[in-house]
């Protein structure tokens, strides 16, 4: 037959396939997104239809990621919307209002806790009590940590009086469902995103250019750098660290630090770019984190939406409650906050150790701040380039050390990496590695060089692309897509943060 169409394969594109979410970096997403843009353009001046179109496409996007579990998102959206309505109507301070607030917080955290931490606590109970409770067959829906925190921030802001409940259930649904930031953030606040939903669409040419630039940047980071070095190097070393020398383990630690940055920030770049093309501005989540000169500075640059969320809703209240303890109160509040950051990432002791290490770094920095400042003044090193460079190098390696345990399958495996680095370094292996894996070295150099380039250079490049004619932008995007296709032989990797 002239037209031999396999409808079963076409049907697979539109139904949930386990382990095959609709990623920004897949070819089907291009079809999905251009179809959305077509309808979006048709309904440009019909607000209701435009918003409903985004809601439908966003729900389909999430259905492709989690199947029937997309109903959890819908249920939690209903719970948070109506809780917000009631909280907004009740007078401040009355017991009913406080009870509803606590109940809504427990509902949100309870759903998150069940799917994410049930088996972790079962394992702890078995280890402590020598029990034999079987682990449950629980599917962790992608994005549940992110949309739970979006719902929580909405409820908390209403309760403390910094935000008024939105009247439209439709608009609140789009805030919760919006596909650009649904799977792995950023965790946008209702106060920033809801006003954008309620206004008329506005996509200036500058946003089109910046959106295109960010999509290209994200594709390059995610596919060309993160996926390639992850599959061809990082996974092998961290899979069995004792099979490799200290040089290879150290290089793998540097490579993973670059991989997770390019993977996560690459997705964020694409998310921001996609949102810009639809007329939305979602928050930046990264700001050259490896340029940080302290751990505090690092968390102002890394996963900004999560760190700022916990700063506002966990650290600040704890700091107020412990203010009588002064410096010790700040230290306790900081450690608890970073412990929560680690625990938020997943039900594994490696993540808890990751967060605890950063908490320890922050606590130590508090107690060393005064003597350190005095020492630098005495040595006349304050605000010098040498001091900033030294602080940057130390901060970077503290971050790399913590990421070793973040990536490792277990704490023991992470210590194997550290042990190989310090006890079996074998410096002579380096040139052998360079000769054997030149592409890995090239991509690592490219990734780190691009990251450490002056911000003005990056801004100039972005402006250069923004000012290009749309046709040239389209051709450049096509070239990037072709480059990405060439690297896909290494295998398309799911985003690292899907597991969180």
Protein backbone atom coordinates (compact mmCIF):
# COMPACT_ATOMS: atom_id res chain seq x y z
CA UNK A 1 0.00 0.00 0.00
CA UNK A 2 1.11 3.56 -0.70
CA UNK A 3 0.18 4.70 2.78
CA UNK A 4 1.03 2.09 5.38
CA UNK A 5 0.29 3.90 8.64
CA UNK A 6 0.94 2.16 11.92
CA UNK A 7 -1.81 3.69 14.06
CA UNK A 8 -0.62 1.78 17.15
CA UNK A 9 2.63 3.77 17.15
CA UNK A 10 0.74 7.01 16.65
CA UNK A 11 -1.52 6.08 19.58
CA UNK A 12 1.57 5.48 21.74
CA UNK A 13 2.59 9.11 21.21
CA UNK A 14 -0.64 10.28 22.81
CA UNK A 15 -0.88 7.76 25.65
CA UNK A 16 1.20 7.27 28.77
CA UNK A 17 4.30 5.15 28.24
CA UNK A 18 6.14 4.28 31.45
CA UNK A 19 9.66 5.72 31.52
CA UNK A 20 9.02 7.89 28.46
CA UNK A 21 7.85 11.34 29.66
CA UNK A 22 7.32 14.20 27.23
CA UNK A 23 10.65 16.00 27.61
CA UNK A 24 11.56 19.40 26.19
CA UNK A 25 14.46 17.71 24.41
CA UNK A 26 12.37 15.13 22.48
CA UNK A 27 11.21 15.41 18.88
CA UNK A 28 7.56 14.89 19.88
CA UNK A 29 7.76 17.95 22.12
CA UNK A 30 8.55 20.07 19.07
CA UNK A 31 5.29 18.88 17.47
CA UNK A 32 3.47 19.33 20.80
CA UNK A 33 4.77 22.84 21.34
CA UNK A 34 4.18 24.11 17.81
CA UNK A 35 0.62 22.76 17.95
CA UNK A 36 0.14 24.65 21.22
CA UNK A 37 1.59 27.84 19.70
CA UNK A 38 -0.84 27.51 16.76
CA UNK A 39 -3.89 27.33 19.03
CA UNK A 40 -2.37 29.97 21.28
CA UNK A 41 -2.09 32.33 18.34
CA UNK A 42 -5.64 31.60 17.15
CA UNK A 43 -6.97 32.39 20.65
CA UNK A 44 -4.57 35.30 21.24
CA UNK A 45 -7.40 37.75 21.90
CA UNK A 46 -9.82 35.27 23.50
CA UNK A 47 -8.57 35.05 27.06
CA UNK A 48 -10.81 32.22 28.27
CA UNK A 49 -10.04 29.95 25.33
CA UNK A 50 -6.33 30.75 25.54
CA UNK A 51 -6.14 29.83 29.23
CA UNK A 52 -8.22 26.68 28.79
CA UNK A 53 -5.93 25.66 25.92
CA UNK A 54 -2.90 25.99 28.19
CA UNK A 55 -4.66 24.02 30.94
CA UNK A 56 -5.55 21.16 28.57
CA UNK A 57 -2.07 21.02 27.04
CA UNK A 58 -0.46 21.18 30.50
CA UNK A 59 -2.59 18.31 31.80
CA UNK A 60 -1.74 16.23 28.72
CA UNK A 61 1.94 17.03 29.24
CA UNK A 62 1.75 15.81 32.84
CA UNK A 63 -0.34 12.76 31.88
CA UNK A 64 2.47 11.75 29.51
CA UNK A 65 4.87 11.91 32.47
CA UNK A 66 2.88 10.07 35.17
CA UNK A 67 -0.17 8.45 33.60
CA UNK A 68 -3.23 8.24 35.86
CA UNK A 69 -1.31 9.86 38.71
CA UNK A 70 -2.05 13.23 37.11
CA UNK A 71 -5.30 13.02 39.10
CA UNK A 72 -3.26 13.67 42.27
CA UNK A 73 -2.27 17.06 40.86
CA UNK A 74 -5.92 17.85 40.12
CA UNK A 75 -7.06 16.78 43.61
CA UNK A 76 -4.34 18.82 45.36
CA UNK A 77 -5.22 21.81 43.19
CA UNK A 78 -8.86 21.57 44.32
CA UNK A 79 -7.84 21.15 47.97
CA UNK A 80 -5.48 24.14 47.94
CA UNK A 81 -7.86 26.39 46.00
CA UNK A 82 -10.86 25.90 48.29
CA UNK A 83 -8.72 25.95 51.44
CA UNK A 84 -7.33 29.28 50.24
CA UNK A 85 -10.84 30.61 49.65
CA UNK A 86 -11.98 29.68 53.16
CA UNK A 87 -8.77 30.94 54.80
CA UNK A 88 -9.21 34.26 53.05
CA UNK A 89 -12.78 34.62 54.31
CA UNK A 90 -12.12 33.74 57.97
CA UNK A 91 -10.87 36.33 60.43
CA UNK A 92 -7.25 36.19 61.49
CA UNK A 93 -6.38 34.37 64.68
CA UNK A 94 -9.57 32.34 65.15
CA UNK A 95 -9.12 28.66 65.93
CA UNK A 96 -11.08 27.46 62.86
CA UNK A 97 -8.70 29.35 60.58
CA UNK A 98 -5.63 27.92 62.30
CA UNK A 99 -7.11 24.40 62.21
CA UNK A 100 -7.85 24.62 58.46
CA UNK A 101 -4.37 25.96 57.77
CA UNK A 102 -2.69 23.10 59.66
CA UNK A 103 -5.02 20.55 58.03
CA UNK A 104 -4.15 21.83 54.53
CA UNK A 105 -0.42 21.80 55.27
CA UNK A 106 -0.70 18.23 56.60
CA UNK A 107 -2.70 17.19 53.51
CA UNK A 108 -0.03 18.55 51.16
CA UNK A 109 2.91 17.13 53.10
CA UNK A 110 1.04 13.88 53.73
CA UNK A 111 0.57 13.20 50.02
CA UNK A 112 4.21 14.11 49.33
CA UNK A 113 5.40 12.02 52.29
CA UNK A 114 3.41 8.94 51.28
CA UNK A 115 4.76 8.78 47.75
CA UNK A 116 8.29 9.89 48.51
CA UNK A 117 9.21 8.66 51.99
CA UNK A 118 7.00 5.69 52.98
CA UNK A 119 9.49 3.01 51.99
CA UNK A 120 12.36 4.99 53.51
CA UNK A 121 10.67 4.96 56.91
CA UNK A 122 9.76 1.29 56.51
CA UNK A 123 13.45 0.58 55.95
CA UNK A 124 14.40 2.57 59.09
CA UNK A 125 11.82 0.68 61.16
CA UNK A 126 13.15 -2.64 59.86
CA UNK A 127 16.74 -1.65 60.64
CA UNK A 128 15.98 -0.36 64.15
CA UNK A 129 13.58 -3.06 65.24
CA UNK A 130 14.88 -5.93 63.13
CA UNK A 131 11.41 -6.04 61.61
CA UNK A 132 10.37 -7.55 58.33
CA UNK A 133 7.87 -5.07 56.89
CA UNK A 134 7.72 -5.41 53.13
CA UNK A 135 8.35 -2.30 51.06
CA UNK A 136 5.29 -0.99 49.24
CA UNK A 137 5.05 -0.81 45.48
CA UNK A 138 4.81 2.98 45.28
CA UNK A 139 5.23 4.99 42.08
CA UNK A 140 6.80 8.42 42.65
CA UNK A 141 5.00 10.90 40.35
CA UNK A 142 7.47 13.22 38.62
CA UNK A 143 7.15 16.80 39.82
CA UNK A 144 5.20 16.08 43.02
CA UNK A 145 7.84 17.85 45.18
CA UNK A 146 7.64 20.95 43.00
CA UNK A 147 3.88 21.37 42.71
CA UNK A 148 3.44 20.52 46.41
CA UNK A 149 5.73 23.44 47.30
CA UNK A 150 3.82 25.71 44.89
CA UNK A 151 0.58 24.84 46.67
CA UNK A 152 2.15 25.25 50.12
CA UNK A 153 3.54 28.71 49.35
CA UNK A 154 0.08 29.81 48.16
CA UNK A 155 -1.62 28.60 51.36
CA UNK A 156 1.09 30.00 53.67
CA UNK A 157 1.03 33.42 51.96
CA UNK A 158 -2.75 33.62 52.39
CA UNK A 159 -2.53 32.57 56.03
CA UNK A 160 0.11 35.16 56.96
CA UNK A 161 -1.69 37.83 54.96
CA UNK A 162 0.87 38.59 52.24
CA UNK A 163 -1.37 37.37 49.40
CA UNK A 164 -5.10 37.39 48.77
CA UNK A 165 -6.79 34.21 47.47
CA UNK A 166 -7.36 34.21 43.72
CA UNK A 167 -11.04 34.25 42.78
CA UNK A 168 -10.77 32.20 39.60
CA UNK A 169 -10.36 28.43 39.95
CA UNK A 170 -9.38 28.40 36.29
CA UNK A 171 -6.46 30.75 36.86
CA UNK A 172 -5.31 28.89 39.97
CA UNK A 173 -5.44 25.62 38.03
CA UNK A 174 -3.12 27.03 35.38
CA UNK A 175 -0.75 28.24 38.11
CA UNK A 176 -0.55 24.67 39.45
CA UNK A 177 -0.64 22.88 36.06
CA UNK A 178 1.60 25.15 33.94
CA UNK A 179 3.75 22.65 32.07
CA UNK A 180 6.85 24.84 31.72
CA UNK A 181 7.69 24.65 35.44
CA UNK A 182 5.65 21.58 36.41
CA UNK A 183 8.13 18.70 36.32
CA UNK A 184 11.33 20.09 37.87
CA UNK A 185 10.58 23.71 38.60
CA UNK A 186 11.43 26.45 39.12
CA UNK A 187 9.06 26.68 42.10
CA UNK A 188 7.24 29.86 41.11
CA UNK A 189 5.18 31.75 43.68
CA UNK A 190 1.50 32.51 43.14
CA UNK A 191 2.17 36.22 43.72
CA UNK A 192 4.45 36.29 40.66
CA UNK A 193 2.70 33.91 38.23
CA UNK A 194 -1.03 34.49 38.86
CA UNK A 195 -0.97 38.20 37.83
CA UNK A 196 0.63 37.12 34.53
CA UNK A 197 -2.21 34.65 33.90
CA UNK A 198 -4.80 37.34 34.52
CA UNK A 199 -3.32 39.93 32.15
CA UNK A 200 -3.59 40.05 28.37
CA UNK A 201 -0.99 38.15 26.34
CA UNK A 202 2.16 40.09 25.50
CA UNK A 203 5.05 38.48 23.64
CA UNK A 204 7.43 41.22 22.42
CA UNK A 205 10.06 40.41 19.84
CA UNK A 206 12.77 40.61 22.52
CA UNK A 207 11.09 37.78 24.44
CA UNK A 208 10.92 35.66 21.31
CA UNK A 209 14.65 36.15 20.75
CA UNK A 210 15.56 35.51 24.39
CA UNK A 211 13.28 32.48 24.52
CA UNK A 212 14.92 31.03 21.42
CA UNK A 213 18.38 31.69 22.85
CA UNK A 214 17.52 29.97 26.15
CA UNK A 215 16.04 26.94 24.39
CA UNK A 216 19.23 26.58 22.34
CA UNK A 217 21.38 27.03 25.45
CA UNK A 218 19.33 24.47 27.36
CA UNK A 219 19.49 21.86 24.59
CA UNK A 220 23.26 22.24 24.35
CA UNK A 221 23.78 21.95 28.12
CA UNK A 222 21.40 19.02 28.55
CA UNK A 223 22.12 16.81 25.51
CA UNK A 224 25.60 17.72 24.30
CA UNK A 225 27.29 18.12 27.71
CA UNK A 226 25.25 16.55 30.54
CA UNK A 227 23.93 13.42 28.80
CA UNK A 228 27.17 12.62 26.99
CA UNK A 229 29.56 12.89 29.93
CA UNK A 230 27.02 11.27 32.24
CA UNK A 231 26.44 8.15 30.16
CA UNK A 232 29.98 7.74 28.87
CA UNK A 233 31.98 8.54 31.99
CA UNK A 234 30.21 9.50 35.25
CA UNK A 235 27.87 6.50 35.37
CA UNK A 236 30.75 4.08 34.81
CA UNK A 237 32.96 5.44 37.59
CA UNK A 238 30.24 5.95 40.19
CA UNK A 239 28.84 2.53 39.32
CA UNK A 240 31.96 0.90 40.81
CA UNK A 241 34.49 3.48 42.10
CA UNK A 242 37.02 0.88 43.30
CA UNK A 243 37.64 -0.26 39.72
CA UNK A 244 39.09 3.15 38.86
CA UNK A 245 42.08 5.15 40.06
CA UNK A 246 41.89 8.29 42.18
CA UNK A 247 42.52 10.44 39.10
CA UNK A 248 39.48 8.94 37.35
CA UNK A 249 37.35 9.28 40.48
CA UNK A 250 38.38 12.92 40.89
CA UNK A 251 37.66 13.68 37.23
CA UNK A 252 34.31 11.89 37.56
CA UNK A 253 33.50 14.07 40.59
CA UNK A 254 34.27 17.22 38.59
CA UNK A 255 32.32 15.78 35.65
CA UNK A 256 29.26 15.00 37.76
CA UNK A 257 29.28 18.49 39.28
CA UNK A 258 29.22 19.87 35.73
CA UNK A 259 26.67 17.25 34.62
CA UNK A 260 24.09 18.03 37.29
CA UNK A 261 24.47 21.76 36.67
CA UNK A 262 24.09 21.43 32.89
CA UNK A 263 21.24 18.95 33.27
CA UNK A 264 19.21 21.00 35.74
CA UNK A 265 20.06 24.51 34.50
CA UNK A 266 19.66 23.30 30.91
CA UNK A 267 16.10 22.20 31.67
CA UNK A 268 15.48 25.51 33.46
CA UNK A 269 16.79 27.45 30.45
CA UNK A 270 14.36 25.56 28.19
CA UNK A 271 11.50 26.05 30.67
CA UNK A 272 12.11 29.82 30.83
CA UNK A 273 12.46 29.97 27.05
CA UNK A 274 9.23 28.05 26.43
CA UNK A 275 7.40 30.25 28.96
CA UNK A 276 8.69 33.44 27.31
CA UNK A 277 7.32 32.32 23.94
CA UNK A 278 3.93 31.95 25.64
CA UNK A 279 4.09 35.36 27.28
CA UNK A 280 5.13 34.29 30.79
CA UNK A 281 8.17 35.22 32.87
CA UNK A 282 9.12 32.46 35.31
CA UNK A 283 11.95 32.93 37.78
CA UNK A 284 15.60 32.20 37.06
CA UNK A 285 16.88 29.20 38.99
CA UNK A 286 20.64 29.52 38.47
CA UNK A 287 23.19 32.30 38.41
CA UNK A 288 26.65 30.89 37.67
CA UNK A 289 26.80 28.92 40.97
CA UNK A 290 30.41 27.77 40.59
CA UNK A 291 31.55 31.40 40.70
CA UNK A 292 30.42 31.51 44.33
CA UNK A 293 32.98 32.61 46.93
CA UNK A 294 31.16 31.02 49.90
CA UNK A 295 28.58 28.30 50.50
CA UNK A 296 25.99 30.96 51.31
CA UNK A 297 26.78 32.63 47.99
CA UNK A 298 26.49 29.24 46.26
CA UNK A 299 22.91 28.76 47.53
CA UNK A 300 22.00 32.25 46.36
CA UNK A 301 22.99 31.06 42.90
CA UNK A 302 21.98 27.35 42.88
CA UNK A 303 18.37 26.12 42.74
CA UNK A 304 17.32 29.63 43.71
CA UNK A 305 13.60 28.84 43.81
CA UNK A 306 14.09 26.05 46.39
CA UNK A 307 16.65 27.86 48.56
CA UNK A 308 14.58 31.07 48.60
CA UNK A 309 11.41 29.04 49.36
CA UNK A 310 13.03 27.40 52.39
CA UNK A 311 14.61 30.71 53.42
CA UNK A 312 11.18 32.37 53.55
CA UNK A 313 9.05 29.54 54.92
CA UNK A 314 11.42 27.53 57.12
CA UNK A 315 14.61 29.41 58.02
CA UNK A 316 12.99 32.80 58.74
CA UNK A 317 10.34 31.41 61.15
CA UNK A 318 12.95 29.23 62.88
CA UNK A 319 15.32 32.17 63.19
CA UNK A 320 12.58 34.23 64.84
CA UNK A 321 11.74 31.47 67.32
CA UNK A 322 15.43 30.98 68.20
CA UNK A 323 16.41 34.66 68.17
CA UNK A 324 17.16 34.66 71.90
CA UNK A 325 19.98 32.21 71.26
CA UNK A 326 21.56 34.74 68.89
CA UNK A 327 24.40 33.20 66.86
CA UNK A 328 23.61 29.70 68.11
CA UNK A 329 19.98 30.14 67.10
CA UNK A 330 21.03 31.13 63.58
CA UNK A 331 23.30 28.10 63.41
CA UNK A 332 20.53 25.73 64.50
CA UNK A 333 18.04 27.28 62.05
CA UNK A 334 20.55 27.04 59.20
CA UNK A 335 21.41 23.41 59.89
CA UNK A 336 17.74 22.41 60.07
CA UNK A 337 17.08 24.25 56.79
CA UNK A 338 19.90 22.51 54.96
CA UNK A 339 18.94 19.16 56.47
CA UNK A 340 15.48 19.81 54.96
CA UNK A 341 17.09 20.63 51.60
CA UNK A 342 18.81 17.25 51.63
CA UNK A 343 15.69 15.38 52.76
CA UNK A 344 13.58 17.19 50.13
CA UNK A 345 15.77 15.73 47.42
CA UNK A 346 14.88 12.16 48.25
CA UNK A 347 14.52 9.22 50.59
CA UNK A 348 18.14 8.21 50.78
CA UNK A 349 20.80 8.79 53.42
CA UNK A 350 23.09 10.14 50.69
CA UNK A 351 20.78 13.13 50.17
CA UNK A 352 20.50 13.71 53.91
CA UNK A 353 24.31 13.68 54.16
CA UNK A 354 24.49 16.10 51.22
CA UNK A 355 22.18 18.56 52.97
CA UNK A 356 23.88 18.04 56.34
CA UNK A 357 27.30 18.76 54.83
CA UNK A 358 26.05 22.07 53.46
CA UNK A 359 24.44 22.79 56.82
CA UNK A 360 27.76 22.07 58.53
CA UNK A 361 29.59 24.34 56.06
CA UNK A 362 27.17 27.16 56.89
CA UNK A 363 27.38 26.64 60.66
CA UNK A 364 31.20 26.65 60.58
CA UNK A 365 31.17 29.82 58.47
CA UNK A 366 29.04 31.57 61.12
CA UNK A 367 31.49 30.81 63.92
CA UNK A 368 34.56 31.59 61.80
CA UNK A 369 33.23 34.81 60.31
CA UNK A 370 34.62 37.19 62.94
CA UNK A 371 38.11 35.64 63.41
CA UNK A 372 38.40 35.15 59.65
CA UNK A 373 37.60 38.81 58.97
CA UNK A 374 40.14 39.93 61.56
CA UNK A 375 42.81 37.67 60.07
CA UNK A 376 42.21 38.96 56.54
CA UNK A 377 42.47 42.56 57.73
CA UNK A 378 45.69 41.79 59.56
CA UNK A 379 47.17 40.17 56.44
CA UNK A 380 45.76 43.00 54.26
CA UNK A 381 43.89 40.50 52.11
CA UNK A 382 40.37 41.93 52.47
CA UNK A 383 38.59 42.45 49.13
CA UNK A 384 41.62 41.38 47.09
CA UNK A 385 41.42 39.32 43.90
CA UNK A 386 43.70 36.71 45.45
CA UNK A 387 41.31 36.27 48.40
CA UNK A 388 38.24 35.99 46.17
CA UNK A 389 40.02 33.48 43.92
CA UNK A 390 41.07 31.40 46.92
CA UNK A 391 37.58 31.51 48.41
CA UNK A 392 36.14 30.49 45.04
CA UNK A 393 38.46 27.48 44.73
CA UNK A 394 37.73 26.32 48.29
CA UNK A 395 33.96 26.80 47.88
CA UNK A 396 33.94 24.89 44.59
CA UNK A 397 35.73 21.90 46.10
CA UNK A 398 33.45 21.86 49.13
CA UNK A 399 30.53 21.72 46.68
CA UNK A 400 32.17 18.94 44.66
CA UNK A 401 32.81 16.93 47.84
CA UNK A 402 29.13 17.14 48.82
CA UNK A 403 28.02 16.21 45.29
CA UNK A 404 30.05 12.98 45.51
CA UNK A 405 27.55 11.70 48.09
CA UNK A 406 24.63 13.23 46.21
CA UNK A 407 25.53 11.06 43.21
CA UNK A 408 26.69 7.91 44.99
CA UNK A 409 24.30 4.97 45.41
CA UNK A 410 25.17 4.77 49.11
CA UNK A 411 27.30 6.56 51.68
CA UNK A 412 29.75 3.65 51.54
CA UNK A 413 30.06 4.04 47.78
CA UNK A 414 30.67 7.78 48.21
CA UNK A 415 33.47 7.06 50.67
CA UNK A 416 34.93 4.65 48.11
CA UNK A 417 35.23 7.58 45.69
CA UNK A 418 36.92 9.72 48.35
CA UNK A 419 39.19 6.86 49.42
CA UNK A 420 40.35 6.21 45.85
CA UNK A 421 41.17 9.90 45.39
CA UNK A 422 43.33 10.10 48.51
CA UNK A 423 44.73 6.56 48.72
CA UNK A 424 45.09 5.46 45.08
CA UNK A 425 45.51 8.67 43.07
CA UNK A 426 47.94 7.39 40.36
CA UNK A 427 48.66 10.76 38.68
CA UNK A 428 50.28 9.07 35.67
CA UNK A 429 46.88 7.77 34.55
CA UNK A 430 45.76 11.30 33.64
CA UNK A 431 47.40 11.43 30.19
CA UNK A 432 46.19 7.92 29.45
CA UNK A 433 42.68 9.07 30.26
CA UNK A 434 43.02 12.15 28.03
CA UNK A 435 44.18 9.96 25.13
CA UNK A 436 41.43 7.40 25.72
CA UNK A 437 38.54 9.82 26.30
CA UNK A 438 39.34 13.07 24.45
CA UNK A 439 35.68 13.98 23.91
CA UNK A 440 34.95 13.80 27.64
CA UNK A 441 37.83 16.16 28.40
CA UNK A 442 36.81 18.53 25.57
CA UNK A 443 33.20 18.72 26.76
CA UNK A 444 34.26 19.24 30.39
CA UNK A 445 36.59 22.07 29.35
CA UNK A 446 33.89 23.65 27.17
CA UNK A 447 31.31 23.35 29.95
CA UNK A 448 33.47 24.90 32.65
CA UNK A 449 34.93 27.60 30.38
CA UNK A 450 31.44 28.69 29.30
CA UNK A 451 30.35 28.74 32.92
CA UNK A 452 33.25 30.88 34.12
CA UNK A 453 33.11 33.40 31.25
CA UNK A 454 32.38 36.96 32.39
CA UNK A 455 28.65 37.69 32.73
CA UNK A 456 29.00 40.58 30.26
CA UNK A 457 30.15 38.15 27.55
CA UNK A 458 27.14 35.92 28.08
CA UNK A 459 24.82 38.94 28.01
CA UNK A 460 26.45 40.15 24.78
CA UNK A 461 25.89 36.73 23.16
CA UNK A 462 22.25 36.70 24.26
CA UNK A 463 21.66 40.23 22.92
CA UNK A 464 23.38 39.27 19.65
CA UNK A 465 20.93 36.39 19.18
CA UNK A 466 17.96 38.53 20.27
CA UNK A 467 18.74 41.15 17.61
CA UNK A 468 18.99 38.56 14.82
CA UNK A 469 16.15 38.39 12.28
CA UNK A 470 13.62 35.71 13.21
CA UNK A 471 14.60 33.66 10.15
CA UNK A 472 18.24 33.59 11.25
CA UNK A 473 17.18 32.64 14.78
CA UNK A 474 15.17 29.75 13.34
CA UNK A 475 18.15 28.58 11.27
CA UNK A 476 20.43 28.78 14.32
CA UNK A 477 17.94 26.79 16.40
CA UNK A 478 17.77 24.20 13.60
CA UNK A 479 21.57 23.93 13.62
CA UNK A 480 21.56 23.35 17.38
CA UNK A 481 18.87 20.68 17.00
CA UNK A 482 20.98 18.93 14.32
CA UNK A 483 24.00 19.06 16.65
CA UNK A 484 21.89 17.61 19.44
CA UNK A 485 20.73 14.79 17.15
CA UNK A 486 24.37 13.90 16.48
CA UNK A 487 24.99 13.49 20.21
CA UNK A 488 21.84 11.47 20.85
CA UNK A 489 23.66 8.29 19.87
CA UNK A 490 24.93 8.42 23.45
CA UNK A 491 21.35 7.88 24.62
CA UNK A 492 18.82 10.41 25.89
CA UNK A 493 19.00 10.53 29.67
CA UNK A 494 16.03 11.51 31.86
CA UNK A 495 16.64 14.73 33.76
CA UNK A 496 18.44 14.07 37.06
CA UNK A 497 15.89 16.12 39.02
CA UNK A 498 12.97 13.96 37.84
CA UNK A 499 13.69 11.68 40.81
CA UNK A 500 13.17 14.54 43.27
